[in-house]
Amino acid sequence: SLTHSLTQRQAETERETQRDLEV
């Protein structure tokens, strides 16, 4: 459960970072 939550959060953070790079 905890690992899944961490992975999901990391994926979201990575997506946000990619978006920032795109802009």
Foldseek 3Di string as FASTA:
>chain_A
DVVVVVVVVVVVVVVVVVVVVVD
